[in-house]
Amino acid sequence: ITIIRDSGFLGSGCNINFFINEELAATLDVSE
């Protein structure tokens, strides 16, 4: 599985935590 965060201004000030089966897998910034 690959998760890709969109680019753009909206939400760019916050990172996004990504979970697989409720386990923190990664924290993504814009375009990562």
PDB file of all heavy atoms in Angstrom:
ATOM      1  N   ILE A   1       0.864  -1.181   0.000  1.00  0.00           N
ATOM      2  CA  ILE A   1       0.000   0.000   0.000  1.00  0.00           C
ATOM      3  C   ILE A   1       0.900   1.229   0.000  1.00  0.00           C
ATOM      4  O   ILE A   1       1.863   1.299   0.764  1.00  0.00           O
ATOM      5  CB  ILE A   1      -0.906   0.023   1.241  1.00  0.00           C
ATOM      6  CG1 ILE A   1      -1.985  -1.034   1.106  1.00  0.00           C
ATOM      7  CG2 ILE A   1      -1.521   1.399   1.446  1.00  0.00           C
ATOM      8  CD1 ILE A   1      -2.911  -1.108   2.287  1.00  0.00           C
ATOM      9  N   THR A   2       0.572   2.190  -0.863  1.00  0.00           N
ATOM     10  CA  THR A   2       1.247   3.482  -0.858  1.00  0.00           C
ATOM     11  C   THR A   2       0.204   4.551  -0.599  1.00  0.00           C
ATOM     12  O   THR A   2      -0.860   4.546  -1.220  1.00  0.00           O
ATOM     13  CB  THR A   2       1.957   3.760  -2.193  1.00  0.00           C
ATOM     14  OG1 THR A   2       2.973   2.773  -2.392  1.00  0.00           O
ATOM     15  CG2 THR A   2       2.606   5.140  -2.210  1.00  0.00           C
ATOM     16  N   ILE A   3       0.511   5.448   0.322  1.00  0.00           N
ATOM     17  CA  ILE A   3      -0.351   6.592   0.607  1.00  0.00           C
ATOM     18  C   ILE A   3       0.385   7.847   0.143  1.00  0.00           C
ATOM     19  O   ILE A   3       1.574   8.005   0.420  1.00  0.00           O
ATOM     20  CB  ILE A   3      -0.730   6.665   2.106  1.00  0.00           C
ATOM     21  CG1 ILE A   3      -1.741   7.759   2.392  1.00  0.00           C
ATOM     22  CG2 ILE A   3       0.483   6.805   2.994  1.00  0.00           C
ATOM     23  CD1 ILE A   3      -3.161   7.393   2.082  1.00  0.00           C
ATOM     24  N   ILE A   4      -0.307   8.712  -0.620  1.00  0.00           N
ATOM     25  CA  ILE A   4       0.290   9.936  -1.152  1.00  0.00           C
ATOM     26  C   ILE A   4      -0.577  11.115  -0.741  1.00  0.00           C
ATOM     27  O   ILE A   4      -1.789  11.113  -0.991  1.00  0.00           O
ATOM     28  CB  ILE A   4       0.398   9.893  -2.690  1.00  0.00           C
ATOM     29  CG1 ILE A   4       1.209   8.689  -3.146  1.00  0.00           C
ATOM     30  CG2 ILE A   4       1.009  11.202  -3.218  1.00  0.00           C
ATOM     31  CD1 ILE A   4       1.214   8.479  -4.657  1.00  0.00           C
ATOM     32  N   ARG A   5       0.023  12.101  -0.122  1.00  0.00           N
ATOM     33  CA  ARG A   5      -0.717  13.303   0.263  1.00  0.00           C
ATOM     34  C   ARG A   5      -0.712  14.295  -0.887  1.00  0.00           C
ATOM     35  O   ARG A   5       0.310  14.534  -1.526  1.00  0.00           O
ATOM     36  CB  ARG A   5      -0.101  13.934   1.509  1.00  0.00           C
ATOM     37  CG  ARG A   5      -0.911  15.137   1.954  1.00  0.00           C
ATOM     38  CD  ARG A   5      -0.562  15.617   3.311  1.00  0.00           C
ATOM     39  NE  ARG A   5      -1.249  16.889   3.555  1.00  0.00           N
ATOM     40  CZ  ARG A   5      -0.957  17.692   4.534  1.00  0.00           C
ATOM     41  NH1 ARG A   5      -0.002  17.365   5.402  1.00  0.00           N
ATOM     42  NH2 ARG A   5      -1.606  18.830   4.685  1.00  0.00           N
ATOM     43  N   ASP A   6      -1.872  14.876  -1.139  1.00  0.00           N
ATOM     44  CA  ASP A   6      -2.026  15.876  -2.195  1.00  0.00           C
ATOM     45  C   ASP A   6      -1.138  17.095  -1.960  1.00  0.00           C
ATOM     46  O   ASP A   6      -0.673  17.332  -0.849  1.00  0.00           O
ATOM     47  CB  ASP A   6      -3.476  16.375  -2.253  1.00  0.00           C
ATOM     48  CG  ASP A   6      -4.415  15.418  -2.958  1.00  0.00           C
ATOM     49  OD1 ASP A   6      -3.984  14.338  -3.398  1.00  0.00           O
ATOM     50  OD2 ASP A   6      -5.614  15.762  -3.064  1.00  0.00           O
ATOM     51  N   SER A   7      -0.955  17.871  -3.020  1.00  0.00           N
ATOM     52  CA  SER A   7      -0.286  19.169  -2.913  1.00  0.00           C
ATOM     53  C   SER A   7      -1.362  20.243  -2.813  1.00  0.00           C
ATOM     54  O   SER A   7      -2.540  19.976  -3.053  1.00  0.00           O
ATOM     55  CB  SER A   7       0.595  19.418  -4.135  1.00  0.00           C
ATOM     56  OG  SER A   7      -0.215  19.549  -5.287  1.00  0.00           O
ATOM     57  N   GLY A   8      -0.962  21.450  -2.466  1.00  0.00           N
ATOM     58  CA  GLY A   8      -1.903  22.566  -2.401  1.00  0.00           C
ATOM     59  C   GLY A   8      -1.794  23.307  -1.096  1.00  0.00           C
ATOM     60  O   GLY A   8      -1.197  22.835  -0.125  1.00  0.00           O
ATOM     61  N   PHE A   9      -2.385  24.479  -1.073  1.00  0.00           N
ATOM     62  CA  PHE A   9      -2.297  25.364   0.086  1.00  0.00           C
ATOM     63  C   PHE A   9      -3.168  24.896   1.243  1.00  0.00           C
ATOM     64  O   PHE A   9      -2.769  24.983   2.402  1.00  0.00           O
ATOM     65  CB  PHE A   9      -2.698  26.788  -0.327  1.00  0.00           C
ATOM     66  CG  PHE A   9      -2.655  27.761   0.798  1.00  0.00           C
ATOM     67  CD1 PHE A   9      -1.442  28.220   1.290  1.00  0.00           C
ATOM     68  CD2 PHE A   9      -3.820  28.208   1.394  1.00  0.00           C
ATOM     69  CE1 PHE A   9      -1.391  29.120   2.348  1.00  0.00           C
ATOM     70  CE2 PHE A   9      -3.775  29.101   2.445  1.00  0.00           C
ATOM     71  CZ  PHE A   9      -2.567  29.560   2.927  1.00  0.00           C
ATOM     72  N   LEU A  10      -4.363  24.375   0.941  1.00  0.00           N
ATOM     73  CA  LEU A  10      -5.303  23.988   1.982  1.00  0.00           C
ATOM     74  C   LEU A  10      -4.700  22.919   2.885  1.00  0.00           C
ATOM     75  O   LEU A  10      -4.282  21.871   2.434  1.00  0.00           O
ATOM     76  CB  LEU A  10      -6.603  23.474   1.354  1.00  0.00           C
ATOM     77  CG  LEU A  10      -7.744  23.162   2.319  1.00  0.00           C
ATOM     78  CD1 LEU A  10      -8.193  24.432   3.035  1.00  0.00           C
ATOM     79  CD2 LEU A  10      -8.905  22.557   1.575  1.00  0.00           C
ATOM     80  N   GLY A  11      -4.619  23.207   4.163  1.00  0.00           N
ATOM     81  CA  GLY A  11      -4.102  22.246   5.135  1.00  0.00           C
ATOM     82  C   GLY A  11      -2.603  22.104   5.159  1.00  0.00           C
ATOM     83  O   GLY A  11      -2.063  21.258   5.873  1.00  0.00           O
ATOM     84  N   SER A  12      -1.884  22.924   4.398  1.00  0.00           N
ATOM     85  CA  SER A  12      -0.435  22.746   4.288  1.00  0.00           C
ATOM     86  C   SER A  12       0.310  23.070   5.585  1.00  0.00           C
ATOM     87  O   SER A  12       1.457  22.679   5.745  1.00  0.00           O
ATOM     88  CB  SER A  12       0.124  23.586   3.144  1.00  0.00           C
ATOM     89  OG  SER A  12      -0.106  24.961   3.376  1.00  0.00           O
ATOM     90  N   GLY A  13      -0.350  23.744   6.521  1.00  0.00           N
ATOM     91  CA  GLY A  13       0.289  24.054   7.792  1.00  0.00           C
ATOM     92  C   GLY A  13       0.260  22.904   8.782  1.00  0.00           C
ATOM     93  O   GLY A  13       0.872  22.973   9.838  1.00  0.00           O
ATOM     94  N   CYS A  14      -0.457  21.832   8.439  1.00  0.00           N
ATOM     95  CA  CYS A  14      -0.604  20.678   9.341  1.00  0.00           C
ATOM     96  C   CYS A  14      -0.103  19.409   8.657  1.00  0.00           C
ATOM     97  O   CYS A  14      -0.354  19.197   7.478  1.00  0.00           O
ATOM     98  CB  CYS A  14      -2.068  20.460   9.703  1.00  0.00           C
ATOM     99  SG  CYS A  14      -2.844  21.849  10.535  1.00  0.00           S
ATOM    100  N   ASN A  15       0.567  18.581   9.424  1.00  0.00           N
ATOM    101  CA  ASN A  15       0.886  17.247   8.933  1.00  0.00           C
ATOM    102  C   ASN A  15      -0.324  16.351   9.148  1.00  0.00           C
ATOM    103  O   ASN A  15      -1.234  16.686   9.901  1.00  0.00           O
ATOM    104  CB  ASN A  15       2.099  16.669   9.678  1.00  0.00           C
ATOM    105  CG  ASN A  15       3.401  17.300   9.236  1.00  0.00           C
ATOM    106  OD1 ASN A  15       3.501  17.844   8.146  1.00  0.00           O
ATOM    107  ND2 ASN A  15       4.400  17.232  10.091  1.00  0.00           N
ATOM    108  N   ILE A  16      -0.316  15.197   8.499  1.00  0.00           N
ATOM    109  CA  ILE A  16      -1.406  14.230   8.614  1.00  0.00           C
ATOM    110  C   ILE A  16      -0.838  12.915   9.113  1.00  0.00           C
ATOM    111  O   ILE A  16       0.093  12.364   8.519  1.00  0.00           O
ATOM    112  CB  ILE A  16      -2.096  13.999   7.244  1.00  0.00           C
ATOM    113  CG1 ILE A  16      -2.662  15.302   6.675  1.00  0.00           C
ATOM    114  CG2 ILE A  16      -3.167  12.927   7.357  1.00  0.00           C
ATOM    115  CD1 ILE A  16      -3.839  15.877   7.408  1.00  0.00           C
ATOM    116  N   ASN A  17      -1.394  12.398  10.211  1.00  0.00           N
ATOM    117  CA  ASN A  17      -1.027  11.064  10.686  1.00  0.00           C
ATOM    118  C   ASN A  17      -1.797  10.036   9.878  1.00  0.00           C
ATOM    119  O   ASN A  17      -3.009  10.181   9.673  1.00  0.00           O
ATOM    120  CB  ASN A  17      -1.362  10.895  12.173  1.00  0.00           C
ATOM    121  CG  ASN A  17      -0.393  11.621  13.075  1.00  0.00           C
ATOM    122  OD1 ASN A  17       0.752  11.866  12.708  1.00  0.00           O
ATOM    123  ND2 ASN A  17      -0.846  11.991  14.255  1.00  0.00           N
ATOM    124  N   PHE A  18      -1.101   9.003   9.424  1.00  0.00           N
ATOM    125  CA  PHE A  18      -1.702   7.910   8.656  1.00  0.00           C
ATOM    126  C   PHE A  18      -1.613   6.630   9.481  1.00  0.00           C
ATOM    127  O   PHE A  18      -0.557   6.303  10.005  1.00  0.00           O
ATOM    128  CB  PHE A  18      -0.975   7.742   7.315  1.00  0.00           C
ATOM    129  CG  PHE A  18      -1.410   6.548   6.539  1.00  0.00           C
ATOM    130  CD1 PHE A  18      -2.691   6.468   6.021  1.00  0.00           C
ATOM    131  CD2 PHE A  18      -0.542   5.480   6.333  1.00  0.00           C
ATOM    132  CE1 PHE A  18      -3.105   5.353   5.306  1.00  0.00           C
ATOM    133  CE2 PHE A  18      -0.940   4.368   5.612  1.00  0.00           C
ATOM    134  CZ  PHE A  18      -2.225   4.300   5.102  1.00  0.00           C
ATOM    135  N   PHE A  19      -2.733   5.937   9.603  1.00  0.00           N
ATOM    136  CA  PHE A  19      -2.832   4.727  10.410  1.00  0.00           C
ATOM    137  C   PHE A  19      -3.178   3.521   9.548  1.00  0.00           C
ATOM    138  O   PHE A  19      -3.945   3.635   8.591  1.00  0.00           O
ATOM    139  CB  PHE A  19      -3.936   4.873  11.464  1.00  0.00           C
ATOM    140  CG  PHE A  19      -3.697   5.975  12.449  1.00  0.00           C
ATOM    141  CD1 PHE A  19      -4.040   7.292  12.156  1.00  0.00           C
ATOM    142  CD2 PHE A  19      -3.128   5.709  13.678  1.00  0.00           C
ATOM    143  CE1 PHE A  19      -3.824   8.313  13.066  1.00  0.00           C
ATOM    144  CE2 PHE A  19      -2.904   6.726  14.606  1.00  0.00           C
ATOM    145  CZ  PHE A  19      -3.257   8.032  14.290  1.00  0.00           C
ATOM    146  N   ILE A  20      -2.614   2.372   9.894  1.00  0.00           N
ATOM    147  CA  ILE A  20      -3.022   1.087   9.312  1.00  0.00           C
ATOM    148  C   ILE A  20      -3.515   0.244  10.479  1.00  0.00           C
ATOM    149  O   ILE A  20      -2.766  -0.018  11.418  1.00  0.00           O
ATOM    150  CB  ILE A  20      -1.857   0.382   8.590  1.00  0.00           C
ATOM    151  CG1 ILE A  20      -1.334   1.242   7.442  1.00  0.00           C
ATOM    152  CG2 ILE A  20      -2.309  -1.000   8.085  1.00  0.00           C
ATOM    153  CD1 ILE A  20      -0.102   0.687   6.742  1.00  0.00           C
ATOM    154  N   ASN A  21      -4.787  -0.143  10.409  1.00  0.00           N
ATOM    155  CA  ASN A  21      -5.422  -0.909  11.491  1.00  0.00           C
ATOM    156  C   ASN A  21      -5.187  -0.255  12.851  1.00  0.00           C
ATOM    157  O   ASN A  21      -4.787  -0.900  13.816  1.00  0.00           O
ATOM    158  CB  ASN A  21      -4.951  -2.360  11.490  1.00  0.00           C
ATOM    159  CG  ASN A  21      -5.462  -3.105  10.282  1.00  0.00           C
ATOM    160  OD1 ASN A  21      -6.555  -2.818   9.781  1.00  0.00           O
ATOM    161  ND2 ASN A  21      -4.679  -4.041   9.793  1.00  0.00           N
ATOM    162  N   GLU A  22      -5.425   1.043  12.912  1.00  0.00           N
ATOM    163  CA  GLU A  22      -5.344   1.859  14.125  1.00  0.00           C
ATOM    164  C   GLU A  22      -3.939   1.990  14.705  1.00  0.00           C
ATOM    165  O   GLU A  22      -3.754   2.484  15.805  1.00  0.00           O
ATOM    166  CB  GLU A  22      -6.332   1.363  15.184  1.00  0.00           C
ATOM    167  CG  GLU A  22      -7.770   1.449  14.709  1.00  0.00           C
ATOM    168  CD  GLU A  22      -8.778   1.001  15.742  1.00  0.00           C
ATOM    169  OE1 GLU A  22      -8.387   0.609  16.862  1.00  0.00           O
ATOM    170  OE2 GLU A  22      -9.975   1.063  15.424  1.00  0.00           O
ATOM    171  N   GLU A  23      -2.914   1.596  13.962  1.00  0.00           N
ATOM    172  CA  GLU A  23      -1.526   1.770  14.381  1.00  0.00           C
ATOM    173  C   GLU A  23      -0.920   2.905  13.554  1.00  0.00           C
ATOM    174  O   GLU A  23      -1.007   2.893  12.308  1.00  0.00           O
ATOM    175  CB  GLU A  23      -0.727   0.485  14.172  1.00  0.00           C
ATOM    176  CG  GLU A  23       0.706   0.590  14.636  1.00  0.00           C
ATOM    177  CD  GLU A  23       1.500  -0.703  14.450  1.00  0.00           C
ATOM    178  OE1 GLU A  23       0.929  -1.721  14.036  1.00  0.00           O
ATOM    179  OE2 GLU A  23       2.715  -0.658  14.705  1.00  0.00           O
ATOM    180  N   LEU A  24      -0.295   3.870  14.238  1.00  0.00           N
ATOM    181  CA  LEU A  24       0.323   4.990  13.536  1.00  0.00           C
ATOM    182  C   LEU A  24       1.432   4.468  12.628  1.00  0.00           C
ATOM    183  O   LEU A  24       2.375   3.837  13.085  1.00  0.00           O
ATOM    184  CB  LEU A  24       0.897   6.003  14.536  1.00  0.00           C
ATOM    185  CG  LEU A  24       1.584   7.230  13.941  1.00  0.00           C
ATOM    186  CD1 LEU A  24       0.629   8.025  13.050  1.00  0.00           C
ATOM    187  CD2 LEU A  24       2.141   8.111  15.049  1.00  0.00           C
ATOM    188  N   ALA A  25       1.285   4.715  11.328  1.00  0.00           N
ATOM    189  CA  ALA A  25       2.238   4.210  10.342  1.00  0.00           C
ATOM    190  C   ALA A  25       3.216   5.293   9.885  1.00  0.00           C
ATOM    191  O   ALA A  25       4.400   5.030   9.703  1.00  0.00           O
ATOM    192  CB  ALA A  25       1.491   3.644   9.137  1.00  0.00           C
ATOM    193  N   ALA A  26       2.715   6.524   9.684  1.00  0.00           N
ATOM    194  CA  ALA A  26       3.558   7.605   9.181  1.00  0.00           C
ATOM    195  C   ALA A  26       2.871   8.939   9.420  1.00  0.00           C
ATOM    196  O   ALA A  26       1.660   9.004   9.601  1.00  0.00           O
ATOM    197  CB  ALA A  26       3.830   7.429   7.698  1.00  0.00           C
ATOM    198  N   THR A  27       3.670   9.996   9.392  1.00  0.00           N
ATOM    199  CA  THR A  27       3.148  11.358   9.416  1.00  0.00           C
ATOM    200  C   THR A  27       3.573  12.017   8.110  1.00  0.00           C
ATOM    201  O   THR A  27       4.764  12.101   7.811  1.00  0.00           O
ATOM    202  CB  THR A  27       3.700  12.140  10.630  1.00  0.00           C
ATOM    203  OG1 THR A  27       3.285  11.472  11.822  1.00  0.00           O
ATOM    204  CG2 THR A  27       3.173  13.552  10.647  1.00  0.00           C
ATOM    205  N   LEU A  28       2.569  12.434   7.331  1.00  0.00           N
ATOM    206  CA  LEU A  28       2.811  12.960   5.994  1.00  0.00           C
ATOM    207  C   LEU A  28       2.678  14.475   5.932  1.00  0.00           C
ATOM    208  O   LEU A  28       1.748  15.047   6.476  1.00  0.00           O
ATOM    209  CB  LEU A  28       1.810  12.360   5.004  1.00  0.00           C
ATOM    210  CG  LEU A  28       1.903  10.864   4.802  1.00  0.00           C
ATOM    211  CD1 LEU A  28       0.592  10.204   5.122  1.00  0.00           C
ATOM    212  CD2 LEU A  28       2.329  10.565   3.398  1.00  0.00           C
ATOM    213  N   ASP A  29       3.606  15.093   5.215  1.00  0.00           N
ATOM    214  CA  ASP A  29       3.532  16.506   4.874  1.00  0.00           C
ATOM    215  C   ASP A  29       2.988  16.581   3.436  1.00  0.00           C
ATOM    216  O   ASP A  29       2.794  15.561   2.777  1.00  0.00           O
ATOM    217  CB  ASP A  29       4.926  17.142   4.980  1.00  0.00           C
ATOM    218  CG  ASP A  29       4.876  18.651   5.125  1.00  0.00           C
ATOM    219  OD1 ASP A  29       3.792  19.255   4.954  1.00  0.00           O
ATOM    220  OD2 ASP A  29       5.926  19.252   5.400  1.00  0.00           O
ATOM    221  N   VAL A  30       2.782  17.763   2.941  1.00  0.00           N
ATOM    222  CA  VAL A  30       2.263  17.977   1.589  1.00  0.00           C
ATOM    223  C   VAL A  30       3.170  17.319   0.550  1.00  0.00           C
ATOM    224  O   VAL A  30       4.397  17.396   0.646  1.00  0.00           O
ATOM    225  CB  VAL A  30       2.138  19.494   1.315  1.00  0.00           C
ATOM    226  CG1 VAL A  30       1.696  19.767  -0.105  1.00  0.00           C
ATOM    227  CG2 VAL A  30       1.170  20.122   2.303  1.00  0.00           C
ATOM    228  N   SER A  31       2.582  16.635  -0.417  1.00  0.00           N
ATOM    229  CA  SER A  31       3.272  16.002  -1.555  1.00  0.00           C
ATOM    230  C   SER A  31       4.218  14.876  -1.162  1.00  0.00           C
ATOM    231  O   SER A  31       5.151  14.569  -1.891  1.00  0.00           O
ATOM    232  CB  SER A  31       4.048  17.040  -2.376  1.00  0.00           C
ATOM    233  OG  SER A  31       3.181  18.034  -2.870  1.00  0.00           O
ATOM    234  N   GLU A  32       3.981  14.240  -0.020  1.00  0.00           N
ATOM    235  CA  GLU A  32       4.819  13.124   0.408  1.00  0.00           C
ATOM    236  C   GLU A  32       4.079  11.804   0.267  1.00  0.00           C
ATOM    237  O   GLU A  32       2.851  11.763   0.245  1.00  0.00           O
ATOM    238  CB  GLU A  32       5.258  13.297   1.867  1.00  0.00           C
ATOM    239  CG  GLU A  32       6.284  14.381   2.057  1.00  0.00           C
ATOM    240  CD  GLU A  32       6.784  14.467   3.490  1.00  0.00           C
ATOM    241  OE1 GLU A  32       6.086  14.000   4.421  1.00  0.00           O
ATOM    242  OE2 GLU A  32       7.883  15.009   3.680  1.00  0.00           O
TER     243      GLU A  32
END
